[in-house]
C-alpha cells in the first residue's frame, strides 16, 4: 500500500497545493533556466492553474519577479 507523504522534504514546488501566498520560496526565472540561478522571495500570486507541473509551479513574488518554484523555504 502506497502512502502519500506530505512532510517538508517532499515539498519541492511541483504541487500547487504546497504553495500559498506569503510562503518564502526560491524560484528560477526564465532567463536563468540554463544556469539554474535561484531567486528568493515571498509568493504574492500563484500563476499555474493545474494541480502540478513537472518544472515547478509558476508564481509571482512580492517583488514582481515571475518564476517556477524550485524550493520551498518555510511551510
N, C-alpha and C. Protein backbone atom coordinates (compact mmCIF):
# COMPACT_ATOMS: atom_id res chain seq x y z
N UNK A 1 0.84 -1.18 0.00
CA UNK A 1 0.00 0.00 0.00
C UNK A 1 0.89 1.24 0.00
N UNK A 2 0.64 2.13 -0.92
CA UNK A 2 1.45 3.34 -1.04
C UNK A 2 0.78 4.49 -0.31
N UNK A 3 1.52 5.16 0.53
CA UNK A 3 1.00 6.33 1.23
C UNK A 3 1.57 7.60 0.62
N UNK A 4 0.87 8.67 0.78
CA UNK A 4 1.35 9.95 0.28
C UNK A 4 1.94 10.71 1.44
N UNK A 5 3.20 11.05 1.31
CA UNK A 5 3.89 11.77 2.38
C UNK A 5 3.84 13.27 2.10
N UNK A 6 3.51 14.03 3.11
CA UNK A 6 3.47 15.48 2.95
C UNK A 6 4.43 16.15 3.90
N UNK A 7 5.53 15.46 4.22
CA UNK A 7 6.49 16.12 5.11
C UNK A 7 7.30 17.15 4.33
N UNK A 8 8.04 17.96 5.02
CA UNK A 8 8.74 19.10 4.43
C UNK A 8 9.70 18.70 3.31
N UNK A 9 10.31 17.52 3.41
CA UNK A 9 11.29 17.11 2.40
C UNK A 9 10.66 16.83 1.05
N UNK A 10 9.35 16.53 1.02
CA UNK A 10 8.66 16.26 -0.24
C UNK A 10 8.23 17.53 -0.95
N UNK A 11 8.31 18.65 -0.30
CA UNK A 11 7.78 19.89 -0.86
C UNK A 11 8.84 20.55 -1.75
N UNK A 12 8.79 20.25 -3.04
CA UNK A 12 9.81 20.75 -3.95
C UNK A 12 9.27 21.76 -4.95
N UNK A 13 8.02 22.18 -4.82
CA UNK A 13 7.49 23.20 -5.71
C UNK A 13 6.74 22.69 -6.91
N UNK A 14 6.56 21.37 -7.02
CA UNK A 14 5.85 20.81 -8.18
C UNK A 14 4.35 20.66 -7.95
N UNK A 15 3.90 20.77 -6.71
CA UNK A 15 2.46 20.62 -6.40
C UNK A 15 1.88 21.97 -6.00
N UNK A 16 0.82 22.37 -6.68
CA UNK A 16 0.17 23.66 -6.40
C UNK A 16 -0.34 23.72 -4.96
N UNK A 17 -0.79 22.57 -4.43
CA UNK A 17 -1.34 22.53 -3.07
C UNK A 17 -0.30 22.85 -1.99
N UNK A 18 1.00 22.75 -2.34
CA UNK A 18 2.06 23.06 -1.38
C UNK A 18 2.42 24.55 -1.35
N UNK A 19 1.90 25.31 -2.32
CA UNK A 19 2.26 26.72 -2.47
C UNK A 19 1.10 27.59 -2.03
N UNK A 20 1.41 28.67 -1.32
CA UNK A 20 0.37 29.63 -0.93
C UNK A 20 1.00 31.02 -0.81
N UNK A 21 0.20 32.06 -1.00
CA UNK A 21 0.72 33.42 -0.83
C UNK A 21 1.32 33.60 0.57
N UNK A 22 2.42 34.31 0.62
CA UNK A 22 3.11 34.55 1.89
C UNK A 22 4.23 33.58 2.18
N UNK A 23 4.33 32.52 1.38
CA UNK A 23 5.35 31.50 1.57
C UNK A 23 6.69 31.99 1.02
N UNK A 24 7.78 31.71 1.74
CA UNK A 24 9.13 32.06 1.26
C UNK A 24 9.63 30.90 0.39
N UNK A 25 10.02 31.22 -0.84
CA UNK A 25 10.44 30.21 -1.81
C UNK A 25 11.68 30.68 -2.57
N UNK A 26 12.26 29.74 -3.32
CA UNK A 26 13.29 30.07 -4.31
C UNK A 26 12.73 29.67 -5.66
N UNK A 27 12.83 30.59 -6.63
CA UNK A 27 12.32 30.35 -7.98
C UNK A 27 13.44 30.48 -8.99
N UNK A 28 13.24 29.86 -10.15
CA UNK A 28 14.13 30.08 -11.29
C UNK A 28 13.35 30.91 -12.29
N UNK A 29 13.94 32.02 -12.71
CA UNK A 29 13.34 32.87 -13.72
C UNK A 29 13.67 32.32 -15.11
N UNK A 30 12.87 32.65 -16.09
CA UNK A 30 13.06 32.16 -17.46
C UNK A 30 14.50 32.39 -17.96
N UNK A 31 15.06 33.60 -17.82
CA UNK A 31 16.42 33.81 -18.34
C UNK A 31 17.49 33.00 -17.58
N UNK A 32 17.17 32.53 -16.38
CA UNK A 32 18.13 31.80 -15.56
C UNK A 32 17.98 30.28 -15.64
N UNK A 33 17.08 29.80 -16.51
CA UNK A 33 16.85 28.36 -16.58
C UNK A 33 18.10 27.58 -16.96
N UNK A 34 18.91 28.11 -17.87
CA UNK A 34 20.10 27.38 -18.30
C UNK A 34 21.16 27.32 -17.20
N UNK A 35 21.29 28.40 -16.42
CA UNK A 35 22.29 28.42 -15.35
C UNK A 35 21.76 27.81 -14.05
N UNK A 36 20.43 27.80 -13.90
CA UNK A 36 19.84 27.27 -12.67
C UNK A 36 19.89 28.24 -11.51
N UNK A 37 20.22 29.50 -11.78
CA UNK A 37 20.31 30.52 -10.72
C UNK A 37 18.95 30.72 -10.07
N UNK A 38 18.92 30.69 -8.74
CA UNK A 38 17.66 30.81 -8.00
C UNK A 38 17.53 32.20 -7.38
N UNK A 39 16.29 32.66 -7.30
CA UNK A 39 15.96 33.95 -6.70
C UNK A 39 15.00 33.69 -5.55
N UNK A 40 15.31 34.24 -4.38
CA UNK A 40 14.47 34.03 -3.20
C UNK A 40 13.45 35.14 -3.07
N UNK A 41 12.26 34.79 -2.60
CA UNK A 41 11.24 35.80 -2.38
C UNK A 41 10.01 35.22 -1.71
N UNK A 42 9.00 36.09 -1.56
CA UNK A 42 7.73 35.72 -0.93
C UNK A 42 6.66 35.65 -2.02
N UNK A 43 5.89 34.57 -2.04
CA UNK A 43 4.84 34.37 -3.05
C UNK A 43 3.73 35.41 -2.87
N UNK A 44 3.42 36.12 -3.96
CA UNK A 44 2.27 37.02 -3.99
C UNK A 44 1.09 36.36 -4.69
N UNK A 45 1.34 35.77 -5.89
CA UNK A 45 0.27 35.14 -6.68
C UNK A 45 0.76 33.80 -7.21
N UNK A 46 -0.16 32.84 -7.31
CA UNK A 46 0.11 31.56 -7.96
C UNK A 46 -0.43 31.66 -9.38
N UNK A 47 0.43 31.45 -10.37
CA UNK A 47 0.04 31.64 -11.77
C UNK A 47 -0.31 30.34 -12.48
N UNK A 48 0.21 29.20 -12.01
CA UNK A 48 -0.12 27.91 -12.60
C UNK A 48 -1.48 27.47 -12.11
N UNK A 49 -2.38 27.11 -13.04
CA UNK A 49 -3.73 26.71 -12.63
C UNK A 49 -3.85 25.20 -12.43
N UNK A 50 -2.97 24.41 -13.04
CA UNK A 50 -3.06 22.96 -12.88
C UNK A 50 -2.55 22.53 -11.50
N UNK A 51 -2.96 21.36 -11.01
CA UNK A 51 -2.58 20.93 -9.66
C UNK A 51 -1.09 20.63 -9.50
N UNK A 52 -0.40 20.36 -10.62
CA UNK A 52 1.04 20.11 -10.54
C UNK A 52 1.70 20.49 -11.87
N UNK A 53 3.01 20.65 -11.81
CA UNK A 53 3.78 20.94 -13.02
C UNK A 53 5.18 20.35 -12.83
N UNK A 54 5.69 19.60 -13.81
CA UNK A 54 6.98 18.92 -13.64
C UNK A 54 8.17 19.86 -13.46
N UNK A 55 8.06 21.10 -13.92
CA UNK A 55 9.17 22.04 -13.81
C UNK A 55 8.98 23.04 -12.68
N UNK A 56 7.91 22.88 -11.91
CA UNK A 56 7.64 23.79 -10.79
C UNK A 56 6.44 24.67 -11.06
N UNK A 57 5.75 25.01 -10.00
CA UNK A 57 4.58 25.89 -10.09
C UNK A 57 5.04 27.31 -10.35
N UNK A 58 4.42 27.96 -11.33
CA UNK A 58 4.79 29.35 -11.67
C UNK A 58 4.10 30.31 -10.71
N UNK A 59 4.89 31.22 -10.14
CA UNK A 59 4.38 32.19 -9.17
C UNK A 59 4.91 33.58 -9.48
N UNK A 60 4.23 34.58 -8.94
CA UNK A 60 4.74 35.95 -8.94
C UNK A 60 5.11 36.25 -7.50
N UNK A 61 6.32 36.74 -7.30
CA UNK A 61 6.79 37.10 -5.98
C UNK A 61 6.33 38.52 -5.64
N UNK A 62 6.41 38.89 -4.37
CA UNK A 62 6.03 40.23 -3.94
C UNK A 62 6.85 41.30 -4.66
N UNK A 63 8.05 40.94 -5.08
CA UNK A 63 8.92 41.88 -5.80
C UNK A 63 8.50 42.06 -7.26
N UNK A 64 7.54 41.22 -7.73
CA UNK A 64 7.10 41.29 -9.12
C UNK A 64 7.77 40.27 -10.01
N UNK A 65 8.81 39.61 -9.52
CA UNK A 65 9.52 38.59 -10.30
C UNK A 65 8.62 37.38 -10.49
N UNK A 66 8.63 36.83 -11.73
CA UNK A 66 7.87 35.63 -12.05
C UNK A 66 8.86 34.50 -12.30
N UNK A 67 8.57 33.34 -11.71
CA UNK A 67 9.43 32.18 -11.91
C UNK A 67 8.75 30.92 -11.43
N UNK A 68 9.43 29.80 -11.66
CA UNK A 68 8.91 28.49 -11.23
C UNK A 68 9.57 28.10 -9.92
N UNK A 69 8.75 27.65 -8.97
CA UNK A 69 9.25 27.30 -7.64
C UNK A 69 10.14 26.07 -7.72
N UNK A 70 11.35 26.20 -7.18
CA UNK A 70 12.31 25.09 -7.12
C UNK A 70 12.52 24.62 -5.68
N UNK A 71 12.35 25.53 -4.71
CA UNK A 71 12.49 25.17 -3.30
C UNK A 71 11.47 25.95 -2.49
N UNK A 72 10.92 25.26 -1.49
CA UNK A 72 10.06 25.91 -0.51
C UNK A 72 10.87 26.04 0.76
N UNK A 73 11.06 27.27 1.24
CA UNK A 73 11.94 27.51 2.38
C UNK A 73 11.23 27.41 3.72
N UNK A 74 9.94 27.76 3.77
CA UNK A 74 9.18 27.56 5.00
C UNK A 74 7.75 27.22 4.66
N UNK A 75 7.13 26.42 5.51
CA UNK A 75 5.78 25.94 5.21
C UNK A 75 4.83 26.24 6.36
